[in-house]
Every structure is written in structure tokens, then in C-alpha cells.
Amino acid sequence: MTQERLLSWIFYSVALATELDHAGYSEISIIADGINNSAPSNRELKDSVEWLIKNGLVEGRWNNYKLTLKGSEIYENDTRETKLIQEVWN
């Protein structure tokens, strides 16, 4: 999997996992597994969340994350026309 695809997978997983409240690695990983039929490794998840935070798309710490306003705007734009997982993720 390319780095770009990995980051989009984890970003989408965070978005879905935090629709109602903050989420930790466990909740994000469960959603990621549902999207891709494969759970990310701990390193993939940690590194991706750190990248998303560094780039202003996710906020949080101590295993308690959610989308930022910028991340929410991107997610809303990407899901405006479809909610089908594979279409959004691609």
C-alpha cells in the first residue's frame, strides 16, 4: 500500500470513528478493518495519526482523537456525493 493510500485509509477511519465522539486507536483500527478487511499495524496507525495531526487534519492526544475543522471540511466535501465506502476511499 502506498503512503498516500495508507494516510487516506486512516484519515477516513478517524472520520468514521469520531462521528459521535473522540476515538482511540482501538476504535480507529476497528473501523479501518471494516473499510479494508485488514487492520493497520500499530506502527501504521500511530505514524499515520501523527502525520494527520502534524498536517492539521486530526487533533488529540493520549489516545483520544477527532477531526479538526480542516479535516471535517475535507471529509464533508469527499462524502457530499456518495457515502459508499469504496467510492469515498478511492
C-alpha atoms as a PDB file:
ATOM      1  CA  MET A   1       0.000   0.000   0.000  1.00  0.00           C
ATOM      2  CA  THR A   2       1.344   3.432  -0.870  1.00  0.00           C
ATOM      3  CA  GLN A   3       1.880   6.014   1.853  1.00  0.00           C
ATOM      4  CA  GLU A   4      -0.824   8.197   0.308  1.00  0.00           C
ATOM      5  CA  ARG A   5      -3.329   5.334   0.339  1.00  0.00           C
ATOM      6  CA  LEU A   6      -2.403   4.423   3.931  1.00  0.00           C
ATOM      7  CA  LEU A   7      -2.931   8.000   5.103  1.00  0.00           C
ATOM      8  CA  SER A   8      -6.279   8.281   3.320  1.00  0.00           C
ATOM      9  CA  TRP A   9      -7.368   4.955   4.856  1.00  0.00           C
ATOM     10  CA  ILE A  10      -6.513   6.096   8.375  1.00  0.00           C
ATOM     11  CA  PHE A  11      -7.976   9.582   7.804  1.00  0.00           C
ATOM     12  CA  TYR A  12     -11.256   8.046   6.651  1.00  0.00           C
ATOM     13  CA  SER A  13     -11.192   5.643   9.604  1.00  0.00           C
ATOM     14  CA  VAL A  14     -10.727   8.518  12.057  1.00  0.00           C
ATOM     15  CA  ALA A  15     -13.581  10.405  10.387  1.00  0.00           C
ATOM     16  CA  LEU A  16     -15.981   7.484  10.744  1.00  0.00           C
ATOM     17  CA  ALA A  17     -14.815   6.517  14.225  1.00  0.00           C
ATOM     18  CA  THR A  18     -15.311  10.044  15.545  1.00  0.00           C
ATOM     19  CA  GLU A  19     -18.691  10.922  14.066  1.00  0.00           C
ATOM     20  CA  LEU A  20     -20.217  10.973  17.552  1.00  0.00           C
ATOM     21  CA  ASP A  21     -17.256  11.423  19.875  1.00  0.00           C
ATOM     22  CA  HIS A  22     -13.488  11.214  20.164  1.00  0.00           C
ATOM     23  CA  ALA A  23     -11.928   7.839  19.394  1.00  0.00           C
ATOM     24  CA  GLY A  24      -8.794   5.982  20.341  1.00  0.00           C
ATOM     25  CA  TYR A  25      -6.529   3.665  18.381  1.00  0.00           C
ATOM     26  CA  SER A  26      -8.749   0.665  19.098  1.00  0.00           C
ATOM     27  CA  GLU A  27     -11.899   2.271  17.664  1.00  0.00           C
ATOM     28  CA  ILE A  28      -9.994   3.674  14.673  1.00  0.00           C
ATOM     29  CA  SER A  29      -8.434   0.271  13.979  1.00  0.00           C
ATOM     30  CA  ILE A  30     -11.842  -1.463  14.074  1.00  0.00           C
ATOM     31  CA  ILE A  31     -13.229   0.999  11.513  1.00  0.00           C
ATOM     32  CA  ALA A  32     -10.082   0.613   9.364  1.00  0.00           C
ATOM     33  CA  ASP A  33     -10.576  -3.154   9.392  1.00  0.00           C
ATOM     34  CA  GLY A  34     -14.167  -2.688   8.234  1.00  0.00           C
ATOM     35  CA  ILE A  35     -13.074  -0.442   5.355  1.00  0.00           C
ATOM     36  CA  ASN A  36     -10.179  -2.530   4.078  1.00  0.00           C
ATOM     37  CA  ASN A  37     -10.795  -6.004   5.549  1.00  0.00           C
ATOM     38  CA  SER A  38      -7.422  -5.597   7.212  1.00  0.00           C
ATOM     39  CA  ALA A  39      -6.392  -3.868  10.402  1.00  0.00           C
ATOM     40  CA  PRO A  40      -3.442  -1.488  10.252  1.00  0.00           C
ATOM     41  CA  SER A  41      -0.349  -2.403  12.228  1.00  0.00           C
ATOM     42  CA  ASN A  42       0.271  -0.431  15.397  1.00  0.00           C
ATOM     43  CA  ARG A  43       3.143   1.375  13.639  1.00  0.00           C
ATOM     44  CA  GLU A  44       0.990   2.239  10.585  1.00  0.00           C
ATOM     45  CA  LEU A  45      -1.773   3.579  12.793  1.00  0.00           C
ATOM     46  CA  LYS A  46       0.497   5.574  15.107  1.00  0.00           C
ATOM     47  CA  ASP A  47       2.600   7.045  12.283  1.00  0.00           C
ATOM     48  CA  SER A  48      -0.477   7.928  10.222  1.00  0.00           C
ATOM     49  CA  VAL A  49      -2.262   9.629  13.115  1.00  0.00           C
ATOM     50  CA  GLU A  50       0.916  11.581  13.897  1.00  0.00           C
ATOM     51  CA  TRP A  51       1.137  12.698  10.233  1.00  0.00           C
ATOM     52  CA  LEU A  52      -2.545  13.701  10.220  1.00  0.00           C
ATOM     53  CA  ILE A  53      -2.024  15.743  13.401  1.00  0.00           C
ATOM     54  CA  LYS A  54       1.125  17.377  12.033  1.00  0.00           C
ATOM     55  CA  ASN A  55      -0.789  18.374   8.887  1.00  0.00           C
ATOM     56  CA  GLY A  56      -3.779  19.792  10.743  1.00  0.00           C
ATOM     57  CA  LEU A  57      -6.373  17.154   9.840  1.00  0.00           C
ATOM     58  CA  VAL A  58      -6.703  15.423  13.216  1.00  0.00           C
ATOM     59  CA  GLU A  59      -6.328  16.673  16.754  1.00  0.00           C
ATOM     60  CA  GLY A  60      -5.995  14.986  20.090  1.00  0.00           C
ATOM     61  CA  ARG A  61      -3.601  13.136  22.300  1.00  0.00           C
ATOM     62  CA  TRP A  62      -3.464  10.371  24.843  1.00  0.00           C
ATOM     63  CA  ASN A  63      -5.378   8.057  22.531  1.00  0.00           C
ATOM     64  CA  ASN A  64      -8.283  10.491  22.164  1.00  0.00           C
ATOM     65  CA  TYR A  65      -8.613  11.831  18.604  1.00  0.00           C
ATOM     66  CA  LYS A  66     -11.046  13.632  16.321  1.00  0.00           C
ATOM     67  CA  LEU A  67     -11.006  15.535  13.043  1.00  0.00           C
ATOM     68  CA  THR A  68     -10.073  19.196  13.088  1.00  0.00           C
ATOM     69  CA  LEU A  69     -12.252  21.749  11.336  1.00  0.00           C
ATOM     70  CA  LYS A  70      -9.991  21.431   8.286  1.00  0.00           C
ATOM     71  CA  GLY A  71     -10.264  17.621   8.419  1.00  0.00           C
ATOM     72  CA  SER A  72     -14.044  17.807   8.810  1.00  0.00           C
ATOM     73  CA  GLU A  73     -14.335  20.089   5.790  1.00  0.00           C
ATOM     74  CA  ILE A  74     -12.304  17.679   3.661  1.00  0.00           C
ATOM     75  CA  TYR A  75     -14.376  14.713   4.862  1.00  0.00           C
ATOM     76  CA  GLU A  76     -17.667  16.518   4.217  1.00  0.00           C
ATOM     77  CA  ASN A  77     -16.519  17.504   0.741  1.00  0.00           C
ATOM     78  CA  ASP A  78     -15.426  13.934  -0.048  1.00  0.00           C
ATOM     79  CA  THR A  79     -18.731  12.459   1.136  1.00  0.00           C
ATOM     80  CA  ARG A  80     -21.047  15.069  -0.346  1.00  0.00           C
ATOM     81  CA  GLU A  81     -21.966  12.986  -3.400  1.00  0.00           C
ATOM     82  CA  THR A  82     -21.625   9.466  -2.025  1.00  0.00           C
ATOM     83  CA  LYS A  83     -21.370   7.624   1.259  1.00  0.00           C
ATOM     84  CA  LEU A  84     -20.259   4.327  -0.310  1.00  0.00           C
ATOM     85  CA  ILE A  85     -17.029   3.353   1.421  1.00  0.00           C
ATOM     86  CA  GLN A  86     -15.050   2.295  -1.629  1.00  0.00           C
ATOM     87  CA  GLU A  87     -16.050   5.366  -3.605  1.00  0.00           C
ATOM     88  CA  VAL A  88     -15.112   7.730  -0.784  1.00  0.00           C
ATOM     89  CA  TRP A  89     -11.834   5.977  -0.013  1.00  0.00           C
ATOM     90  CA  ASN A  90     -10.772   5.851  -3.666  1.00  0.00           C
END
